[in-house]
Amino acid sequence: MKKRLCALAALLLLTGCGIQGLDNEQYDAIGSGEQDKAEAPAQTPDEVGLSIHVKKEQIYEGNLLLVDRGHAVPPEGGGEPAVNLFEHKELTKGFGLLDDTVRLSPDLTRKFTEMVSAAAKDRVDHVLISSGYRDEDEQNELYEQMGAERAMPAGHSEHNLGMSLDIGSSLTEMNQAPEGRWLADNAWKFGFVLRYPKDKTAVTGIMYEPWHFRYVGLPHSAVMQEKDLTLEQYLAYLKKHSIRATFGGRTYEIFYFPISEDENIRVPVSGSYEISGNNEDGVIVTVDTGPDDEDRP
């Protein structure tokens, strides 16, 4: 695309990360898919972009799936199956387990271990996992015990999705422990977010849970941290704005596309990309466009 959108927001800087919001008005035709449903003109050599074939089922796959009272866990679940960590001691390095029932996918456990290792370097080393994946029977039992104000019904909990975990400290409660403070400040650097913050209960519908962290991946966790957005707010924001973010010396551009059927979408930038559904009506395409402008020769 010959014309590039101008950034509406000034560059915001945080530790290794800068974020810009881009107005989506000029992307309306692209976002609706109307450009691809018509006969698309041939590209000229100086045009850049990606043409991606997206299947409808991709709405229900990926790291950004919203699961709450209004959005159930997709029938196929969140991805890699969970394993019993007590039976896989090779996965439990640098942290403890509350009991022998904790389950988590190996991939998410490795991401968690990376974060725990960084915490240990800051002498925060009393981390344990109190809960990971739960099946619907376990969630239903918890819901009946704790009630609607403190638990989600079966099939509507992120624990049923397998991408969240409850993190504790062997020292004290998480709202007072060094582990709780460290994670609140640093989890975003590793793709995790505090899912139910104290000041967002009206948005999430869930009481403050300083122990509940959700994996969304980078650069999304960095954007959510900088803009102080919950997952609900972030997905809603993406429907109105595309985002340019820099992290770790790389530049990313993030776009939302509504999807109602298998179709081709046109992304106005080039690079390697990832796709995640929102578990509702569309997909988020995250494009790694290369080194940050300041790092380019």
C-alpha atoms as a PDB file:
ATOM      1  CA  MET A   1       0.000   0.000   0.000  1.00  0.00           C
ATOM      2  CA  LYS A   2       1.529   3.309  -1.132  1.00  0.00           C
ATOM      3  CA  LYS A   3      -0.045   5.447   1.533  1.00  0.00           C
ATOM      4  CA  ARG A   4       0.882   4.838   5.158  1.00  0.00           C
ATOM      5  CA  LEU A   5      -1.248   6.036   8.041  1.00  0.00           C
ATOM      6  CA  CYS A   6       0.092   8.834  10.257  1.00  0.00           C
ATOM      7  CA  ALA A   7       0.413   8.016  13.936  1.00  0.00           C
ATOM      8  CA  LEU A   8      -2.272   9.794  15.984  1.00  0.00           C
ATOM      9  CA  ALA A   9      -0.551   9.212  19.303  1.00  0.00           C
ATOM     10  CA  ALA A  10       2.969  10.245  20.223  1.00  0.00           C
ATOM     11  CA  LEU A  11       5.485   7.512  20.822  1.00  0.00           C
ATOM     12  CA  LEU A  12       5.126   6.177  24.349  1.00  0.00           C
ATOM     13  CA  LEU A  13       8.264   4.744  25.911  1.00  0.00           C
ATOM     14  CA  LEU A  14       8.599   2.083  28.569  1.00  0.00           C
ATOM     15  CA  THR A  15      11.369  -0.385  29.302  1.00  0.00           C
ATOM     16  CA  GLY A  16      12.360  -1.439  25.807  1.00  0.00           C
ATOM     17  CA  CYS A  17       8.874  -0.828  24.453  1.00  0.00           C
ATOM     18  CA  GLY A  18       7.182   1.969  22.534  1.00  0.00           C
ATOM     19  CA  ILE A  19       3.557   1.955  21.427  1.00  0.00           C
ATOM     20  CA  GLN A  20       1.518   3.991  18.978  1.00  0.00           C
ATOM     21  CA  GLY A  21      -2.204   3.894  18.297  1.00  0.00           C
ATOM     22  CA  LEU A  22      -3.197   4.223  14.652  1.00  0.00           C
ATOM     23  CA  ASP A  23      -6.623   5.378  13.574  1.00  0.00           C
ATOM     24  CA  ASN A  24      -8.438   2.624  11.694  1.00  0.00           C
ATOM     25  CA  GLU A  25     -10.648   4.724   9.402  1.00  0.00           C
ATOM     26  CA  GLN A  26      -8.466   4.203   6.347  1.00  0.00           C
ATOM     27  CA  TYR A  27      -8.392   0.467   7.075  1.00  0.00           C
ATOM     28  CA  ASP A  28     -12.183   0.060   7.093  1.00  0.00           C
ATOM     29  CA  ALA A  29     -12.364  -1.589   3.665  1.00  0.00           C
ATOM     30  CA  ILE A  30      -9.491  -3.902   4.546  1.00  0.00           C
ATOM     31  CA  GLY A  31     -10.917  -4.777   7.946  1.00  0.00           C
ATOM     32  CA  SER A  32     -14.347  -5.604   6.546  1.00  0.00           C
ATOM     33  CA  GLY A  33     -12.874  -7.865   3.876  1.00  0.00           C
ATOM     34  CA  GLU A  34     -14.726  -5.916   1.190  1.00  0.00           C
ATOM     35  CA  GLN A  35     -11.535  -5.283  -0.719  1.00  0.00           C
ATOM     36  CA  ASP A  36     -10.861  -8.997  -1.084  1.00  0.00           C
ATOM     37  CA  LYS A  37     -14.415  -9.996  -1.892  1.00  0.00           C
ATOM     38  CA  ALA A  38     -14.206  -7.729  -4.908  1.00  0.00           C
ATOM     39  CA  GLU A  39     -11.623  -8.451  -7.562  1.00  0.00           C
ATOM     40  CA  ALA A  40      -8.418  -7.071  -6.050  1.00  0.00           C
ATOM     41  CA  PRO A  41      -6.148  -5.073  -8.370  1.00  0.00           C
ATOM     42  CA  ALA A  42      -2.692  -6.439  -9.094  1.00  0.00           C
ATOM     43  CA  GLN A  43       0.064  -5.234  -6.781  1.00  0.00           C
ATOM     44  CA  THR A  44       2.731  -2.938  -8.058  1.00  0.00           C
ATOM     45  CA  PRO A  45       6.369  -3.551  -7.037  1.00  0.00           C
ATOM     46  CA  ASP A  46       6.443  -0.732  -4.516  1.00  0.00           C
ATOM     47  CA  GLU A  47       3.322  -1.942  -2.687  1.00  0.00           C
ATOM     48  CA  VAL A  48       3.858  -3.837   0.527  1.00  0.00           C
ATOM     49  CA  GLY A  49       1.539  -6.062   2.464  1.00  0.00           C
ATOM     50  CA  LEU A  50       0.308  -9.559   3.074  1.00  0.00           C
ATOM     51  CA  SER A  51      -2.572 -11.506   1.628  1.00  0.00           C
ATOM     52  CA  ILE A  52      -3.571 -14.140   4.195  1.00  0.00           C
ATOM     53  CA  HIS A  53      -6.192 -16.852   3.884  1.00  0.00           C
ATOM     54  CA  VAL A  54      -8.027 -17.125   7.206  1.00  0.00           C
ATOM     55  CA  LYS A  55     -10.439 -19.884   8.157  1.00  0.00           C
ATOM     56  CA  LYS A  56     -13.500 -19.201  10.271  1.00  0.00           C
ATOM     57  CA  GLU A  57     -12.362 -21.662  12.955  1.00  0.00           C
ATOM     58  CA  GLN A  58      -9.324 -19.451  13.618  1.00  0.00           C
ATOM     59  CA  ILE A  59     -11.674 -17.125  15.492  1.00  0.00           C
ATOM     60  CA  TYR A  60     -11.532 -19.759  18.248  1.00  0.00           C
ATOM     61  CA  GLU A  61      -7.765 -20.381  18.312  1.00  0.00           C
ATOM     62  CA  GLY A  62      -4.804 -18.474  19.746  1.00  0.00           C
ATOM     63  CA  ASN A  63      -3.422 -16.623  22.746  1.00  0.00           C
ATOM     64  CA  LEU A  64      -5.960 -13.773  22.780  1.00  0.00           C
ATOM     65  CA  LEU A  65      -9.168 -15.757  23.204  1.00  0.00           C
ATOM     66  CA  LEU A  66     -11.577 -13.945  25.504  1.00  0.00           C
ATOM     67  CA  VAL A  67     -13.205 -16.274  28.016  1.00  0.00           C
ATOM     68  CA  ASP A  68     -15.687 -14.826  30.496  1.00  0.00           C
ATOM     69  CA  ARG A  69     -19.350 -15.139  31.395  1.00  0.00           C
ATOM     70  CA  GLY A  70     -20.363 -14.128  27.884  1.00  0.00           C
ATOM     71  CA  HIS A  71     -17.743 -16.149  26.003  1.00  0.00           C
ATOM     72  CA  ALA A  72     -17.371 -19.872  26.561  1.00  0.00           C
ATOM     73  CA  VAL A  73     -14.216 -21.912  26.070  1.00  0.00           C
ATOM     74  CA  PRO A  74     -14.175 -23.132  22.432  1.00  0.00           C
ATOM     75  CA  PRO A  75     -15.048 -26.818  21.957  1.00  0.00           C
ATOM     76  CA  GLU A  76     -11.459 -27.642  21.017  1.00  0.00           C
ATOM     77  CA  GLY A  77     -10.027 -25.856  24.069  1.00  0.00           C
ATOM     78  CA  GLY A  78      -7.004 -23.585  24.166  1.00  0.00           C
ATOM     79  CA  GLY A  79      -4.328 -25.676  22.493  1.00  0.00           C
ATOM     80  CA  GLU A  80      -1.665 -27.980  23.916  1.00  0.00           C
ATOM     81  CA  PRO A  81      -3.068 -30.475  26.486  1.00  0.00           C
ATOM     82  CA  ALA A  82      -2.193 -30.015  30.137  1.00  0.00           C
ATOM     83  CA  VAL A  83      -0.082 -32.506  32.057  1.00  0.00           C
ATOM     84  CA  ASN A  84       0.219 -33.224  35.765  1.00  0.00           C
ATOM     85  CA  LEU A  85       3.283 -31.250  36.849  1.00  0.00           C
ATOM     86  CA  PHE A  86       3.812 -33.385  39.946  1.00  0.00           C
ATOM     87  CA  GLU A  87       4.381 -36.328  37.605  1.00  0.00           C
ATOM     88  CA  HIS A  88       6.698 -34.282  35.351  1.00  0.00           C
ATOM     89  CA  LYS A  89       9.356 -33.028  37.733  1.00  0.00           C
ATOM     90  CA  GLU A  90      11.562 -32.088  34.768  1.00  0.00           C
ATOM     91  CA  LEU A  91       9.168 -29.199  34.123  1.00  0.00           C
ATOM     92  CA  THR A  92       9.105 -27.846  37.670  1.00  0.00           C
ATOM     93  CA  LYS A  93      12.332 -25.881  37.946  1.00  0.00           C
ATOM     94  CA  GLY A  94      12.525 -22.889  40.246  1.00  0.00           C
ATOM     95  CA  PHE A  95       9.012 -23.063  41.662  1.00  0.00           C
ATOM     96  CA  GLY A  96       6.861 -25.223  43.902  1.00  0.00           C
ATOM     97  CA  LEU A  97       3.416 -26.794  43.612  1.00  0.00           C
ATOM     98  CA  LEU A  98       0.623 -26.372  46.135  1.00  0.00           C
ATOM     99  CA  ASP A  99      -0.355 -30.024  45.746  1.00  0.00           C
ATOM    100  CA  ASP A 100      -0.078 -33.012  43.402  1.00  0.00           C
ATOM    101  CA  THR A 101      -3.098 -32.059  41.270  1.00  0.00           C
ATOM    102  CA  VAL A 102      -1.677 -28.992  39.459  1.00  0.00           C
ATOM    103  CA  ARG A 103      -1.862 -29.332  35.681  1.00  0.00           C
ATOM    104  CA  LEU A 104      -0.473 -27.069  32.977  1.00  0.00           C
ATOM    105  CA  SER A 105       0.626 -27.461  29.375  1.00  0.00           C
ATOM    106  CA  PRO A 106       4.383 -28.040  28.924  1.00  0.00           C
ATOM    107  CA  ASP A 107       4.631 -24.980  26.656  1.00  0.00           C
ATOM    108  CA  LEU A 108       2.982 -22.635  29.158  1.00  0.00           C
ATOM    109  CA  THR A 109       5.063 -24.166  31.961  1.00  0.00           C
ATOM    110  CA  ARG A 110       8.268 -23.346  30.078  1.00  0.00           C
ATOM    111  CA  LYS A 111       7.121 -19.736  29.600  1.00  0.00           C
ATOM    112  CA  PHE A 112       6.300 -19.553  33.296  1.00  0.00           C
ATOM    113  CA  THR A 113       9.708 -21.005  34.204  1.00  0.00           C
ATOM    114  CA  GLU A 114      11.460 -18.293  32.178  1.00  0.00           C
ATOM    115  CA  MET A 115       9.593 -15.661  34.181  1.00  0.00           C
ATOM    116  CA  VAL A 116      10.337 -17.363  37.492  1.00  0.00           C
ATOM    117  CA  SER A 117      14.039 -17.525  36.619  1.00  0.00           C
ATOM    118  CA  ALA A 118      14.076 -13.772  36.068  1.00  0.00           C
ATOM    119  CA  ALA A 119      12.326 -13.229  39.406  1.00  0.00           C
ATOM    120  CA  ALA A 120      14.939 -15.354  41.163  1.00  0.00           C
ATOM    121  CA  LYS A 121      17.682 -13.071  39.835  1.00  0.00           C
ATOM    122  CA  ASP A 122      15.910 -10.290  41.734  1.00  0.00           C
ATOM    123  CA  ARG A 123      15.889 -12.525  44.841  1.00  0.00           C
ATOM    124  CA  VAL A 124      12.189 -13.227  44.520  1.00  0.00           C
ATOM    125  CA  ASP A 125      12.277 -16.986  44.801  1.00  0.00           C
ATOM    126  CA  HIS A 126       9.334 -18.341  46.792  1.00  0.00           C
ATOM    127  CA  VAL A 127       6.968 -18.837  43.855  1.00  0.00           C
ATOM    128  CA  LEU A 128       4.512 -21.698  43.642  1.00  0.00           C
ATOM    129  CA  ILE A 129       1.595 -22.648  41.416  1.00  0.00           C
ATOM    130  CA  SER A 130      -1.630 -23.244  43.302  1.00  0.00           C
ATOM    131  CA  SER A 131      -3.875 -23.977  40.316  1.00  0.00           C
ATOM    132  CA  GLY A 132      -3.544 -24.398  36.566  1.00  0.00           C
ATOM    133  CA  TYR A 133      -5.823 -26.177  34.119  1.00  0.00           C
ATOM    134  CA  ARG A 134      -9.213 -27.339  35.397  1.00  0.00           C
ATOM    135  CA  ASP A 135     -11.758 -29.480  33.604  1.00  0.00           C
ATOM    136  CA  GLU A 136     -15.420 -28.498  33.664  1.00  0.00           C
ATOM    137  CA  ASP A 137     -16.318 -30.864  36.520  1.00  0.00           C
ATOM    138  CA  GLU A 138     -13.634 -29.292  38.707  1.00  0.00           C
ATOM    139  CA  GLN A 139     -14.761 -25.804  37.748  1.00  0.00           C
ATOM    140  CA  ASN A 140     -18.397 -26.625  38.464  1.00  0.00           C
ATOM    141  CA  GLU A 141     -17.489 -27.913  41.919  1.00  0.00           C
ATOM    142  CA  LEU A 142     -15.509 -24.727  42.630  1.00  0.00           C
ATOM    143  CA  TYR A 143     -18.368 -22.568  41.335  1.00  0.00           C
ATOM    144  CA  GLU A 144     -20.828 -24.266  43.654  1.00  0.00           C
ATOM    145  CA  GLN A 145     -18.483 -23.797  46.612  1.00  0.00           C
ATOM    146  CA  MET A 146     -17.482 -20.176  46.012  1.00  0.00           C
ATOM    147  CA  GLY A 147     -20.449 -18.667  44.192  1.00  0.00           C
ATOM    148  CA  ALA A 148     -20.766 -16.383  41.171  1.00  0.00           C
ATOM    149  CA  GLU A 149     -18.898 -13.444  42.726  1.00  0.00           C
ATOM    150  CA  ARG A 150     -15.698 -15.439  43.197  1.00  0.00           C
ATOM    151  CA  ALA A 151     -15.758 -18.041  40.424  1.00  0.00           C
ATOM    152  CA  MET A 152     -16.849 -18.488  36.833  1.00  0.00           C
ATOM    153  CA  PRO A 153     -19.326 -21.184  35.815  1.00  0.00           C
ATOM    154  CA  ALA A 154     -17.972 -24.309  34.171  1.00  0.00           C
ATOM    155  CA  GLY A 155     -16.881 -23.705  30.586  1.00  0.00           C
ATOM    156  CA  HIS A 156     -16.455 -19.968  31.166  1.00  0.00           C
ATOM    157  CA  SER A 157     -13.281 -19.950  33.251  1.00  0.00           C
ATOM    158  CA  GLU A 158      -9.829 -19.220  31.860  1.00  0.00           C
ATOM    159  CA  HIS A 159      -8.674 -22.224  33.860  1.00  0.00           C
ATOM    160  CA  ASN A 160     -10.835 -24.357  31.544  1.00  0.00           C
ATOM    161  CA  LEU A 161      -9.013 -22.733  28.617  1.00  0.00           C
ATOM    162  CA  GLY A 162      -5.635 -23.806  29.991  1.00  0.00           C
ATOM    163  CA  MET A 163      -3.892 -20.446  29.502  1.00  0.00           C
ATOM    164  CA  SER A 164      -4.130 -19.125  33.051  1.00  0.00           C
ATOM    165  CA  LEU A 165      -2.676 -20.098  36.369  1.00  0.00           C
ATOM    166  CA  ASP A 166      -2.987 -19.059  39.984  1.00  0.00           C
ATOM    167  CA  ILE A 167       0.406 -18.121  41.386  1.00  0.00           C
ATOM    168  CA  GLY A 168       1.188 -18.083  45.076  1.00  0.00           C
ATOM    169  CA  SER A 169       4.030 -17.419  47.474  1.00  0.00           C
ATOM    170  CA  SER A 170       5.304 -19.744  50.174  1.00  0.00           C
ATOM    171  CA  LEU A 171       5.903 -16.640  52.340  1.00  0.00           C
ATOM    172  CA  THR A 172       2.511 -14.987  52.645  1.00  0.00           C
ATOM    173  CA  GLU A 173      -0.596 -13.918  50.702  1.00  0.00           C
ATOM    174  CA  MET A 174       0.054 -12.614  47.197  1.00  0.00           C
ATOM    175  CA  ASN A 175      -1.283  -9.123  47.885  1.00  0.00           C
ATOM    176  CA  GLN A 176       1.518  -8.737  50.445  1.00  0.00           C
ATOM    177  CA  ALA A 177       4.250 -11.054  49.134  1.00  0.00           C
ATOM    178  CA  PRO A 178       7.331  -9.911  47.175  1.00  0.00           C
ATOM    179  CA  GLU A 179       6.273 -12.437  44.526  1.00  0.00           C
ATOM    180  CA  GLY A 180       2.954 -10.642  44.044  1.00  0.00           C
ATOM    181  CA  ARG A 181       4.601  -7.243  43.732  1.00  0.00           C
ATOM    182  CA  TRP A 182       7.285  -8.516  41.347  1.00  0.00           C
ATOM    183  CA  LEU A 183       4.764 -10.211  39.068  1.00  0.00           C
ATOM    184  CA  ALA A 184       2.490  -7.177  38.990  1.00  0.00           C
ATOM    185  CA  ASP A 185       5.438  -5.083  37.797  1.00  0.00           C
ATOM    186  CA  ASN A 186       7.217  -7.563  35.520  1.00  0.00           C
ATOM    187  CA  ALA A 187       4.925 -10.341  34.265  1.00  0.00           C
ATOM    188  CA  TRP A 188       4.110  -8.378  31.095  1.00  0.00           C
ATOM    189  CA  LYS A 189       7.752  -8.676  29.971  1.00  0.00           C
ATOM    190  CA  PHE A 190       7.193 -12.425  29.596  1.00  0.00           C
ATOM    191  CA  GLY A 191       3.775 -12.326  27.919  1.00  0.00           C
ATOM    192  CA  PHE A 192       1.663 -12.647  31.089  1.00  0.00           C
ATOM    193  CA  VAL A 193      -0.890 -10.178  32.452  1.00  0.00           C
ATOM    194  CA  LEU A 194      -2.627  -9.781  35.782  1.00  0.00           C
ATOM    195  CA  ARG A 195      -6.071 -10.755  34.551  1.00  0.00           C
ATOM    196  CA  TYR A 196      -8.320  -9.327  37.271  1.00  0.00           C
ATOM    197  CA  PRO A 197      -6.790  -6.057  38.571  1.00  0.00           C
ATOM    198  CA  LYS A 198      -8.073  -4.245  41.623  1.00  0.00           C
ATOM    199  CA  ASP A 199      -9.313  -1.207  39.700  1.00  0.00           C
ATOM    200  CA  LYS A 200     -10.971  -3.147  36.859  1.00  0.00           C
ATOM    201  CA  THR A 201     -13.641  -5.184  38.640  1.00  0.00           C
ATOM    202  CA  ALA A 202     -16.411  -3.270  36.848  1.00  0.00           C
ATOM    203  CA  VAL A 203     -14.869  -4.327  33.523  1.00  0.00           C
ATOM    204  CA  THR A 204     -14.011  -7.962  34.262  1.00  0.00           C
ATOM    205  CA  GLY A 205     -16.934  -8.742  36.548  1.00  0.00           C
ATOM    206  CA  ILE A 206     -14.492 -10.563  38.840  1.00  0.00           C
ATOM    207  CA  MET A 207     -13.122  -9.533  42.220  1.00  0.00           C
ATOM    208  CA  TYR A 208      -9.476  -8.535  42.525  1.00  0.00           C
ATOM    209  CA  GLU A 209      -7.279 -11.617  42.178  1.00  0.00           C
ATOM    210  CA  PRO A 210      -3.592 -10.776  42.687  1.00  0.00           C
ATOM    211  CA  TRP A 211      -2.755 -14.424  42.049  1.00  0.00           C
ATOM    212  CA  HIS A 212      -4.468 -14.995  38.675  1.00  0.00           C
ATOM    213  CA  PHE A 213      -2.234 -14.462  35.635  1.00  0.00           C
ATOM    214  CA  ARG A 214      -3.093 -15.082  32.002  1.00  0.00           C
ATOM    215  CA  TYR A 215      -0.737 -15.657  29.078  1.00  0.00           C
ATOM    216  CA  VAL A 216      -1.460 -13.447  26.050  1.00  0.00           C
ATOM    217  CA  GLY A 217       2.052 -13.247  24.569  1.00  0.00           C
ATOM    218  CA  LEU A 218       4.230 -10.362  23.465  1.00  0.00           C
ATOM    219  CA  PRO A 219       3.837  -7.671  22.261  1.00  0.00           C
ATOM    220  CA  HIS A 220       0.220  -7.774  23.485  1.00  0.00           C
ATOM    221  CA  SER A 221       1.117  -7.906  27.176  1.00  0.00           C
ATOM    222  CA  ALA A 222       3.386  -4.859  26.701  1.00  0.00           C
ATOM    223  CA  VAL A 223       0.614  -2.856  25.042  1.00  0.00           C
ATOM    224  CA  MET A 224      -1.906  -3.857  27.715  1.00  0.00           C
ATOM    225  CA  GLN A 225       0.532  -2.843  30.452  1.00  0.00           C
ATOM    226  CA  GLU A 226       1.340   0.519  28.865  1.00  0.00           C
ATOM    227  CA  LYS A 227      -2.263   1.422  28.128  1.00  0.00           C
ATOM    228  CA  ASP A 228      -3.634  -0.096  31.371  1.00  0.00           C
ATOM    229  CA  LEU A 229      -6.089  -2.350  29.541  1.00  0.00           C
ATOM    230  CA  THR A 230      -7.697  -5.617  30.531  1.00  0.00           C
ATOM    231  CA  LEU A 231      -8.112  -8.260  27.845  1.00  0.00           C
ATOM    232  CA  GLU A 232     -11.709  -7.143  27.310  1.00  0.00           C
ATOM    233  CA  GLN A 233     -10.609  -3.543  26.848  1.00  0.00           C
ATOM    234  CA  TYR A 234      -7.664  -4.465  24.639  1.00  0.00           C
ATOM    235  CA  LEU A 235      -9.770  -6.483  22.204  1.00  0.00           C
ATOM    236  CA  ALA A 236     -12.343  -3.685  22.059  1.00  0.00           C
ATOM    237  CA  TYR A 237      -9.564  -1.130  21.452  1.00  0.00           C
ATOM    238  CA  LEU A 238      -8.206  -3.161  18.533  1.00  0.00           C
ATOM    239  CA  LYS A 239     -11.582  -3.013  16.817  1.00  0.00           C
ATOM    240  CA  LYS A 240     -11.145   0.760  16.510  1.00  0.00           C
ATOM    241  CA  HIS A 241      -7.377   1.185  16.275  1.00  0.00           C
ATOM    242  CA  SER A 242      -4.442  -0.579  14.716  1.00  0.00           C
ATOM    243  CA  ILE A 243      -1.318  -0.483  16.876  1.00  0.00           C
ATOM    244  CA  ARG A 244       2.388  -0.117  16.215  1.00  0.00           C
ATOM    245  CA  ALA A 245       4.566  -1.321  19.083  1.00  0.00           C
ATOM    246  CA  THR A 246       8.292  -1.736  19.573  1.00  0.00           C
ATOM    247  CA  PHE A 247       9.720  -4.311  21.947  1.00  0.00           C
ATOM    248  CA  GLY A 248      13.139  -5.888  22.245  1.00  0.00           C
ATOM    249  CA  GLY A 249      14.409  -3.937  19.255  1.00  0.00           C
ATOM    250  CA  ARG A 250      11.611  -5.224  16.996  1.00  0.00           C
ATOM    251  CA  THR A 251       8.637  -3.371  15.547  1.00  0.00           C
ATOM    252  CA  TYR A 252       5.186  -4.954  15.482  1.00  0.00           C
ATOM    253  CA  GLU A 253       1.940  -3.864  13.859  1.00  0.00           C
ATOM    254  CA  ILE A 254      -1.311  -5.265  15.181  1.00  0.00           C
ATOM    255  CA  PHE A 255      -4.599  -5.357  13.265  1.00  0.00           C
ATOM    256  CA  TYR A 256      -8.105  -6.666  13.911  1.00  0.00           C
ATOM    257  CA  PHE A 257     -10.170  -8.200  11.090  1.00  0.00           C
ATOM    258  CA  PRO A 258     -13.822  -9.261  11.439  1.00  0.00           C
ATOM    259  CA  ILE A 259     -14.379 -12.738  10.004  1.00  0.00           C
ATOM    260  CA  SER A 260     -17.667 -14.483   9.221  1.00  0.00           C
ATOM    261  CA  GLU A 261     -16.419 -17.186   6.848  1.00  0.00           C
ATOM    262  CA  ASP A 262     -13.232 -18.516   5.274  1.00  0.00           C
ATOM    263  CA  GLU A 263     -11.761 -15.578   3.394  1.00  0.00           C
ATOM    264  CA  ASN A 264      -8.648 -13.717   2.313  1.00  0.00           C
ATOM    265  CA  ILE A 265      -7.621 -10.656   4.279  1.00  0.00           C
ATOM    266  CA  ARG A 266      -5.259  -7.917   3.181  1.00  0.00           C
ATOM    267  CA  VAL A 267      -2.725  -6.720   5.760  1.00  0.00           C
ATOM    268  CA  PRO A 268      -1.042  -3.438   4.776  1.00  0.00           C
ATOM    269  CA  VAL A 269       2.448  -4.353   6.058  1.00  0.00           C
ATOM    270  CA  SER A 270       4.897  -7.196   5.428  1.00  0.00           C
ATOM    271  CA  GLY A 271       6.787  -9.508   7.756  1.00  0.00           C
ATOM    272  CA  SER A 272       6.413 -12.687   9.731  1.00  0.00           C
ATOM    273  CA  TYR A 273       3.053 -12.841  11.459  1.00  0.00           C
ATOM    274  CA  GLU A 274       0.886 -14.600  14.040  1.00  0.00           C
ATOM    275  CA  ILE A 275      -2.885 -14.929  14.094  1.00  0.00           C
ATOM    276  CA  SER A 276      -5.151 -15.227  17.106  1.00  0.00           C
ATOM    277  CA  GLY A 277      -8.904 -15.264  17.255  1.00  0.00           C
ATOM    278  CA  ASN A 278     -10.832 -13.241  19.810  1.00  0.00           C
ATOM    279  CA  ASN A 279     -13.385 -16.035  20.486  1.00  0.00           C
ATOM    280  CA  GLU A 280     -16.162 -13.838  19.171  1.00  0.00           C
ATOM    281  CA  ASP A 281     -16.152 -12.380  15.666  1.00  0.00           C
ATOM    282  CA  GLY A 282     -12.685 -11.944  14.244  1.00  0.00           C
ATOM    283  CA  VAL A 283      -8.938 -12.396  14.316  1.00  0.00           C
ATOM    284  CA  ILE A 284      -5.965 -10.316  15.393  1.00  0.00           C
ATOM    285  CA  VAL A 285      -2.973 -10.352  13.053  1.00  0.00           C
ATOM    286  CA  THR A 286       0.358  -9.392  14.616  1.00  0.00           C
ATOM    287  CA  VAL A 287       3.111  -8.646  12.097  1.00  0.00           C
ATOM    288  CA  ASP A 288       6.789  -8.469  13.014  1.00  0.00           C
ATOM    289  CA  THR A 289       7.967  -5.862  10.514  1.00  0.00           C
ATOM    290  CA  GLY A 290      11.623  -6.043  11.521  1.00  0.00           C
ATOM    291  CA  PRO A 291      14.109  -4.067  13.614  1.00  0.00           C
ATOM    292  CA  ASP A 292      12.967  -0.902  15.317  1.00  0.00           C
ATOM    293  CA  ASP A 293      13.560   2.153  13.102  1.00  0.00           C
ATOM    294  CA  GLU A 294      16.291   3.350  15.474  1.00  0.00           C
ATOM    295  CA  ASP A 295      18.142   0.049  15.062  1.00  0.00           C
ATOM    296  CA  ARG A 296      18.013  -0.025  11.271  1.00  0.00           C
ATOM    297  CA  PRO A 297      21.202   0.855   9.358  1.00  0.00           C
END
